[in-house]
């Protein structure tokens, strides 16, 4: 199914299953499915209908649930590691309700406390189109909704598609992380949000990034 005109992923596309590969055991190079965290194009991996082995490297590994949720007086809830985590470890998925850009803007304007709407933008090296996905984890979602912003983050957000056009928003450690460190993402590069940043990094810009949604 093609993407909608305003280039956000519609929740109605969730039911469309992507075509499987027909590799016999381990996927071949021209299979079209690959986990490459540095790929500039949208990433497609093997899904439940693929004929390759369950140990195929083009399937997501089991998530590393090696962190705990704690409360900080400055930041609210935080995710703290319970052991060392090597670079490029898959932590799990940021889950919630997939909503349109219009709905994301409307919900954000009504919020009086924490914002759990994650906006993910995907580009391509051969196209000017930008694919936008909004996930609202306020009502229900994984522990990753408690990841705070850091101007020097240690977690990378990677949208990956396996069973449908709606991406799984996966979380990966971007560098080696020590026990007791907070897991943080970047909320964006655009400054001027006006809210004080408490990341504590030597690279801290002073304020959180400004919220940015697509025009209505």
C-alpha atoms as a PDB file:
ATOM      1  CA  UNK A   1       0.000   0.000   0.000  1.00  0.00           C
ATOM      2  CA  UNK A   2       1.419   3.449  -0.870  1.00  0.00           C
ATOM      3  CA  UNK A   3       2.079   5.979   1.854  1.00  0.00           C
ATOM      4  CA  UNK A   4      -0.525   8.670   2.430  1.00  0.00           C
ATOM      5  CA  UNK A   5      -0.164  12.094   0.807  1.00  0.00           C
ATOM      6  CA  UNK A   6       1.207  13.910   3.868  1.00  0.00           C
ATOM      7  CA  UNK A   7       3.941  11.257   4.171  1.00  0.00           C
ATOM      8  CA  UNK A   8       3.015   9.975   7.608  1.00  0.00           C
ATOM      9  CA  UNK A   9       2.379   6.272   8.098  1.00  0.00           C
ATOM     10  CA  UNK A  10      -1.326   5.672   8.499  1.00  0.00           C
ATOM     11  CA  UNK A  11      -2.522   3.304  11.244  1.00  0.00           C
ATOM     12  CA  UNK A  12      -4.701   1.561   8.625  1.00  0.00           C
ATOM     13  CA  UNK A  13      -1.582   0.249   6.895  1.00  0.00           C
ATOM     14  CA  UNK A  14      -0.692  -1.881   9.906  1.00  0.00           C
ATOM     15  CA  UNK A  15      -2.641  -4.861   8.623  1.00  0.00           C
ATOM     16  CA  UNK A  16      -0.810  -5.170   5.315  1.00  0.00           C
ATOM     17  CA  UNK A  17       1.796  -7.935   5.532  1.00  0.00           C
ATOM     18  CA  UNK A  18       5.054  -7.366   3.681  1.00  0.00           C
ATOM     19  CA  UNK A  19       6.287  -9.926   1.170  1.00  0.00           C
ATOM     20  CA  UNK A  20       8.462 -12.683   2.694  1.00  0.00           C
ATOM     21  CA  UNK A  21      11.828 -13.818   1.402  1.00  0.00           C
ATOM     22  CA  UNK A  22      12.234 -17.292  -0.102  1.00  0.00           C
ATOM     23  CA  UNK A  23      15.781 -17.967   1.117  1.00  0.00           C
ATOM     24  CA  UNK A  24      16.396 -21.572   2.137  1.00  0.00           C
ATOM     25  CA  UNK A  25      18.302 -21.171   5.422  1.00  0.00           C
ATOM     26  CA  UNK A  26      20.343 -17.977   5.780  1.00  0.00           C
ATOM     27  CA  UNK A  27      19.382 -14.995   3.641  1.00  0.00           C
ATOM     28  CA  UNK A  28      21.439 -14.231   0.572  1.00  0.00           C
ATOM     29  CA  UNK A  29      22.893 -10.805  -0.217  1.00  0.00           C
ATOM     30  CA  UNK A  30      20.211  -9.971  -2.804  1.00  0.00           C
ATOM     31  CA  UNK A  31      17.336 -11.030  -0.543  1.00  0.00           C
ATOM     32  CA  UNK A  32      16.290  -7.426   0.169  1.00  0.00           C
ATOM     33  CA  UNK A  33      16.129  -7.954   3.944  1.00  0.00           C
ATOM     34  CA  UNK A  34      18.987  -6.727   6.095  1.00  0.00           C
ATOM     35  CA  UNK A  35      19.680  -5.280   9.547  1.00  0.00           C
ATOM     36  CA  UNK A  36      22.109  -2.437   8.915  1.00  0.00           C
ATOM     37  CA  UNK A  37      21.923   0.309  11.523  1.00  0.00           C
ATOM     38  CA  UNK A  38      23.738   2.735   9.231  1.00  0.00           C
ATOM     39  CA  UNK A  39      21.553   2.135   6.160  1.00  0.00           C
ATOM     40  CA  UNK A  40      20.240   5.518   4.889  1.00  0.00           C
ATOM     41  CA  UNK A  41      17.150   3.830   3.395  1.00  0.00           C
ATOM     42  CA  UNK A  42      14.178   2.289   5.248  1.00  0.00           C
ATOM     43  CA  UNK A  43      15.201  -1.077   6.731  1.00  0.00           C
ATOM     44  CA  UNK A  44      13.260  -4.270   5.962  1.00  0.00           C
ATOM     45  CA  UNK A  45      14.030  -7.498   7.836  1.00  0.00           C
ATOM     46  CA  UNK A  46      12.752 -11.065   7.757  1.00  0.00           C
ATOM     47  CA  UNK A  47       9.321 -11.737   9.221  1.00  0.00           C
ATOM     48  CA  UNK A  48       7.248 -14.674  10.428  1.00  0.00           C
ATOM     49  CA  UNK A  49       6.290 -15.707   6.885  1.00  0.00           C
ATOM     50  CA  UNK A  50       9.878 -15.875   5.581  1.00  0.00           C
ATOM     51  CA  UNK A  51      11.237 -19.320   4.753  1.00  0.00           C
ATOM     52  CA  UNK A  52      14.691 -18.713   6.236  1.00  0.00           C
ATOM     53  CA  UNK A  53      15.813 -20.121   9.590  1.00  0.00           C
ATOM     54  CA  UNK A  54      14.771 -18.567  12.892  1.00  0.00           C
ATOM     55  CA  UNK A  55      18.490 -17.950  13.494  1.00  0.00           C
ATOM     56  CA  UNK A  56      18.860 -15.899  10.307  1.00  0.00           C
ATOM     57  CA  UNK A  57      20.919 -12.743  11.076  1.00  0.00           C
ATOM     58  CA  UNK A  58      18.309 -10.660   9.267  1.00  0.00           C
ATOM     59  CA  UNK A  59      15.831 -11.254  12.102  1.00  0.00           C
ATOM     60  CA  UNK A  60      15.796  -9.130  15.255  1.00  0.00           C
ATOM     61  CA  UNK A  61      17.601 -10.740  18.204  1.00  0.00           C
ATOM     62  CA  UNK A  62      15.894 -11.104  21.555  1.00  0.00           C
ATOM     63  CA  UNK A  63      15.763  -7.764  23.394  1.00  0.00           C
ATOM     64  CA  UNK A  64      18.258  -7.174  26.194  1.00  0.00           C
ATOM     65  CA  UNK A  65      16.069  -6.228  29.164  1.00  0.00           C
ATOM     66  CA  UNK A  66      18.989  -5.151  31.329  1.00  0.00           C
ATOM     67  CA  UNK A  67      17.803  -1.906  32.854  1.00  0.00           C
ATOM     68  CA  UNK A  68      15.478  -0.718  35.613  1.00  0.00           C
ATOM     69  CA  UNK A  69      13.086   2.222  35.978  1.00  0.00           C
ATOM     70  CA  UNK A  70      13.931   4.750  38.701  1.00  0.00           C
ATOM     71  CA  UNK A  71      12.657   8.217  39.623  1.00  0.00           C
ATOM     72  CA  UNK A  72      14.805  11.340  39.541  1.00  0.00           C
ATOM     73  CA  UNK A  73      13.794  14.650  41.196  1.00  0.00           C
ATOM     74  CA  UNK A  74      14.989  16.598  38.119  1.00  0.00           C
ATOM     75  CA  UNK A  75      13.913  14.348  35.258  1.00  0.00           C
ATOM     76  CA  UNK A  76      11.087  12.191  36.557  1.00  0.00           C
ATOM     77  CA  UNK A  77      11.311   8.542  35.536  1.00  0.00           C
ATOM     78  CA  UNK A  78      14.597   7.295  34.048  1.00  0.00           C
ATOM     79  CA  UNK A  79      15.969   4.047  32.653  1.00  0.00           C
ATOM     80  CA  UNK A  80      19.176   2.946  34.404  1.00  0.00           C
ATOM     81  CA  UNK A  81      21.369   0.065  33.239  1.00  0.00           C
ATOM     82  CA  UNK A  82      21.874  -2.884  35.591  1.00  0.00           C
ATOM     83  CA  UNK A  83      25.029  -4.204  33.885  1.00  0.00           C
ATOM     84  CA  UNK A  84      27.495  -3.385  31.124  1.00  0.00           C
ATOM     85  CA  UNK A  85      25.960  -3.226  27.641  1.00  0.00           C
ATOM     86  CA  UNK A  86      28.151  -3.430  24.516  1.00  0.00           C
ATOM     87  CA  UNK A  87      27.667  -1.150  21.549  1.00  0.00           C
ATOM     88  CA  UNK A  88      24.952  -2.070  19.000  1.00  0.00           C
ATOM     89  CA  UNK A  89      22.950  -4.165  21.493  1.00  0.00           C
ATOM     90  CA  UNK A  90      19.232  -4.338  20.699  1.00  0.00           C
ATOM     91  CA  UNK A  91      17.304  -3.190  23.791  1.00  0.00           C
ATOM     92  CA  UNK A  92      13.673  -3.463  22.649  1.00  0.00           C
ATOM     93  CA  UNK A  93      10.922  -1.429  20.956  1.00  0.00           C
ATOM     94  CA  UNK A  94       9.338   1.933  21.715  1.00  0.00           C
ATOM     95  CA  UNK A  95       5.667   0.957  21.555  1.00  0.00           C
ATOM     96  CA  UNK A  96       2.394   2.861  21.736  1.00  0.00           C
ATOM     97  CA  UNK A  97      -0.438   4.118  19.561  1.00  0.00           C
ATOM     98  CA  UNK A  98       0.445   5.050  15.973  1.00  0.00           C
ATOM     99  CA  UNK A  99      -1.236   8.378  15.165  1.00  0.00           C
ATOM    100  CA  UNK A 100      -1.313  10.893  12.319  1.00  0.00           C
ATOM    101  CA  UNK A 101       0.571  14.188  12.263  1.00  0.00           C
ATOM    102  CA  UNK A 102      -2.705  16.076  12.722  1.00  0.00           C
ATOM    103  CA  UNK A 103      -3.583  14.010  15.800  1.00  0.00           C
ATOM    104  CA  UNK A 104      -0.055  14.375  17.185  1.00  0.00           C
ATOM    105  CA  UNK A 105      -0.290  18.155  16.973  1.00  0.00           C
ATOM    106  CA  UNK A 106      -3.748  18.168  18.574  1.00  0.00           C
ATOM    107  CA  UNK A 107      -2.730  15.918  21.472  1.00  0.00           C
ATOM    108  CA  UNK A 108       0.448  17.874  22.112  1.00  0.00           C
ATOM    109  CA  UNK A 109      -1.502  21.150  22.347  1.00  0.00           C
ATOM    110  CA  UNK A 110      -3.701  19.629  25.076  1.00  0.00           C
ATOM    111  CA  UNK A 111      -0.899  18.167  27.198  1.00  0.00           C
ATOM    112  CA  UNK A 112      -0.285  19.631  30.636  1.00  0.00           C
ATOM    113  CA  UNK A 113       2.415  17.247  31.865  1.00  0.00           C
ATOM    114  CA  UNK A 114       4.762  14.709  30.260  1.00  0.00           C
ATOM    115  CA  UNK A 115       4.891  14.271  26.504  1.00  0.00           C
ATOM    116  CA  UNK A 116       5.207  10.649  25.367  1.00  0.00           C
ATOM    117  CA  UNK A 117       4.719  11.290  21.628  1.00  0.00           C
ATOM    118  CA  UNK A 118       7.799  10.107  19.750  1.00  0.00           C
ATOM    119  CA  UNK A 119       8.196  11.424  16.204  1.00  0.00           C
ATOM    120  CA  UNK A 120      10.458   9.420  13.890  1.00  0.00           C
ATOM    121  CA  UNK A 121      11.603  10.725  10.514  1.00  0.00           C
ATOM    122  CA  UNK A 122      13.006   8.499   7.783  1.00  0.00           C
ATOM    123  CA  UNK A 123      14.755   9.671   4.663  1.00  0.00           C
ATOM    124  CA  UNK A 124      16.341   7.988   1.677  1.00  0.00           C
ATOM    125  CA  UNK A 125      19.549   8.606  -0.238  1.00  0.00           C
ATOM    126  CA  UNK A 126      17.669   8.564  -3.560  1.00  0.00           C
ATOM    127  CA  UNK A 127      14.472  10.422  -2.654  1.00  0.00           C
ATOM    128  CA  UNK A 128      13.488  13.775  -1.161  1.00  0.00           C
ATOM    129  CA  UNK A 129      10.489  12.211   0.583  1.00  0.00           C
ATOM    130  CA  UNK A 130      10.501  12.009   4.378  1.00  0.00           C
ATOM    131  CA  UNK A 131       8.434   9.298   6.052  1.00  0.00           C
ATOM    132  CA  UNK A 132       6.974  10.422   9.387  1.00  0.00           C
ATOM    133  CA  UNK A 133       5.747   8.106  12.153  1.00  0.00           C
ATOM    134  CA  UNK A 134       4.220   9.381  15.404  1.00  0.00           C
ATOM    135  CA  UNK A 135       3.858   7.005  18.370  1.00  0.00           C
ATOM    136  CA  UNK A 136       1.951   8.084  21.482  1.00  0.00           C
ATOM    137  CA  UNK A 137       2.925   5.967  24.500  1.00  0.00           C
ATOM    138  CA  UNK A 138       0.956   7.996  27.065  1.00  0.00           C
ATOM    139  CA  UNK A 139      -1.908   5.519  27.566  1.00  0.00           C
ATOM    140  CA  UNK A 140       0.044   2.322  26.933  1.00  0.00           C
ATOM    141  CA  UNK A 141       3.590   1.620  25.878  1.00  0.00           C
ATOM    142  CA  UNK A 142       6.902   0.047  26.797  1.00  0.00           C
ATOM    143  CA  UNK A 143       9.384   1.267  29.410  1.00  0.00           C
ATOM    144  CA  UNK A 144      11.263   3.117  26.676  1.00  0.00           C
ATOM    145  CA  UNK A 145       8.774   5.980  26.964  1.00  0.00           C
ATOM    146  CA  UNK A 146      10.761   6.897  30.106  1.00  0.00           C
ATOM    147  CA  UNK A 147      13.981   7.513  28.171  1.00  0.00           C
ATOM    148  CA  UNK A 148      15.019  11.112  28.694  1.00  0.00           C
ATOM    149  CA  UNK A 149      16.833  13.436  26.322  1.00  0.00           C
ATOM    150  CA  UNK A 150      20.595  13.819  26.326  1.00  0.00           C
ATOM    151  CA  UNK A 151      22.663  16.157  24.196  1.00  0.00           C
ATOM    152  CA  UNK A 152      25.133  13.226  24.098  1.00  0.00           C
ATOM    153  CA  UNK A 153      22.787  10.206  23.851  1.00  0.00           C
ATOM    154  CA  UNK A 154      23.795   6.546  24.210  1.00  0.00           C
ATOM    155  CA  UNK A 155      20.700   5.035  22.542  1.00  0.00           C
ATOM    156  CA  UNK A 156      19.868   5.168  18.826  1.00  0.00           C
ATOM    157  CA  UNK A 157      16.302   4.959  17.501  1.00  0.00           C
ATOM    158  CA  UNK A 158      16.048   2.794  14.362  1.00  0.00           C
ATOM    159  CA  UNK A 159      12.733   2.219  12.531  1.00  0.00           C
ATOM    160  CA  UNK A 160      12.620  -1.329  11.135  1.00  0.00           C
ATOM    161  CA  UNK A 161       9.885  -3.077   9.137  1.00  0.00           C
ATOM    162  CA  UNK A 162       9.205  -6.776   9.385  1.00  0.00           C
ATOM    163  CA  UNK A 163       5.510  -7.679   9.126  1.00  0.00           C
ATOM    164  CA  UNK A 164       3.917  -4.385   7.998  1.00  0.00           C
ATOM    165  CA  UNK A 165       4.572  -0.936   6.549  1.00  0.00           C
ATOM    166  CA  UNK A 166       4.232   0.559  10.021  1.00  0.00           C
ATOM    167  CA  UNK A 167       7.784   0.396  11.388  1.00  0.00           C
ATOM    168  CA  UNK A 168       8.863  -1.119  14.659  1.00  0.00           C
ATOM    169  CA  UNK A 169      10.670   1.699  16.454  1.00  0.00           C
ATOM    170  CA  UNK A 170      13.654  -0.183  17.835  1.00  0.00           C
ATOM    171  CA  UNK A 171      16.184   1.007  20.426  1.00  0.00           C
ATOM    172  CA  UNK A 172      19.905   0.170  20.137  1.00  0.00           C
ATOM    173  CA  UNK A 173      22.870   1.096  22.321  1.00  0.00           C
ATOM    174  CA  UNK A 174      25.079   3.428  20.284  1.00  0.00           C
ATOM    175  CA  UNK A 175      28.231   2.999  22.404  1.00  0.00           C
ATOM    176  CA  UNK A 176      29.493   0.789  25.224  1.00  0.00           C
ATOM    177  CA  UNK A 177      27.470   1.589  28.352  1.00  0.00           C
ATOM    178  CA  UNK A 178      28.587   0.988  31.943  1.00  0.00           C
ATOM    179  CA  UNK A 179      26.400  -0.295  34.814  1.00  0.00           C
ATOM    180  CA  UNK A 180      24.387   2.471  36.457  1.00  0.00           C
ATOM    181  CA  UNK A 181      24.316   4.750  33.410  1.00  0.00           C
ATOM    182  CA  UNK A 182      21.075   6.332  32.278  1.00  0.00           C
ATOM    183  CA  UNK A 183      19.792   5.271  28.859  1.00  0.00           C
ATOM    184  CA  UNK A 184      19.025   8.419  26.843  1.00  0.00           C
ATOM    185  CA  UNK A 185      18.008   9.370  23.318  1.00  0.00           C
ATOM    186  CA  UNK A 186      18.137  12.656  21.444  1.00  0.00           C
ATOM    187  CA  UNK A 187      14.792  14.438  21.195  1.00  0.00           C
ATOM    188  CA  UNK A 188      16.074  16.268  18.102  1.00  0.00           C
ATOM    189  CA  UNK A 189      18.658  18.739  16.862  1.00  0.00           C
ATOM    190  CA  UNK A 190      16.477  21.842  16.698  1.00  0.00           C
ATOM    191  CA  UNK A 191      17.110  24.026  19.756  1.00  0.00           C
ATOM    192  CA  UNK A 192      14.996  26.704  21.380  1.00  0.00           C
ATOM    193  CA  UNK A 193      12.529  24.509  23.227  1.00  0.00           C
ATOM    194  CA  UNK A 194      12.635  26.745  26.288  1.00  0.00           C
ATOM    195  CA  UNK A 195      12.674  23.862  28.806  1.00  0.00           C
ATOM    196  CA  UNK A 196      15.876  23.439  30.812  1.00  0.00           C
ATOM    197  CA  UNK A 197      17.930  20.362  29.932  1.00  0.00           C
ATOM    198  CA  UNK A 198      19.218  18.256  32.851  1.00  0.00           C
ATOM    199  CA  UNK A 199      21.312  15.773  30.854  1.00  0.00           C
ATOM    200  CA  UNK A 200      24.557  16.825  32.573  1.00  0.00           C
ATOM    201  CA  UNK A 201      26.656  16.243  29.456  1.00  0.00           C
ATOM    202  CA  UNK A 202      29.633  18.463  28.663  1.00  0.00           C
ATOM    203  CA  UNK A 203      27.929  18.863  25.273  1.00  0.00           C
ATOM    204  CA  UNK A 204      24.665  20.113  26.851  1.00  0.00           C
ATOM    205  CA  UNK A 205      22.942  22.843  24.832  1.00  0.00           C
ATOM    206  CA  UNK A 206      21.104  24.151  27.888  1.00  0.00           C
ATOM    207  CA  UNK A 207      17.511  23.578  26.751  1.00  0.00           C
ATOM    208  CA  UNK A 208      15.540  20.678  25.350  1.00  0.00           C
ATOM    209  CA  UNK A 209      14.915  20.610  21.585  1.00  0.00           C
ATOM    210  CA  UNK A 210      11.765  22.327  20.360  1.00  0.00           C
ATOM    211  CA  UNK A 211       8.758  20.170  19.569  1.00  0.00           C
ATOM    212  CA  UNK A 212       8.296  19.887  15.808  1.00  0.00           C
ATOM    213  CA  UNK A 213       5.382  18.332  13.929  1.00  0.00           C
ATOM    214  CA  UNK A 214       4.357  18.379  10.300  1.00  0.00           C
ATOM    215  CA  UNK A 215       2.204  21.306   9.148  1.00  0.00           C
ATOM    216  CA  UNK A 216      -1.514  20.557   9.347  1.00  0.00           C
END
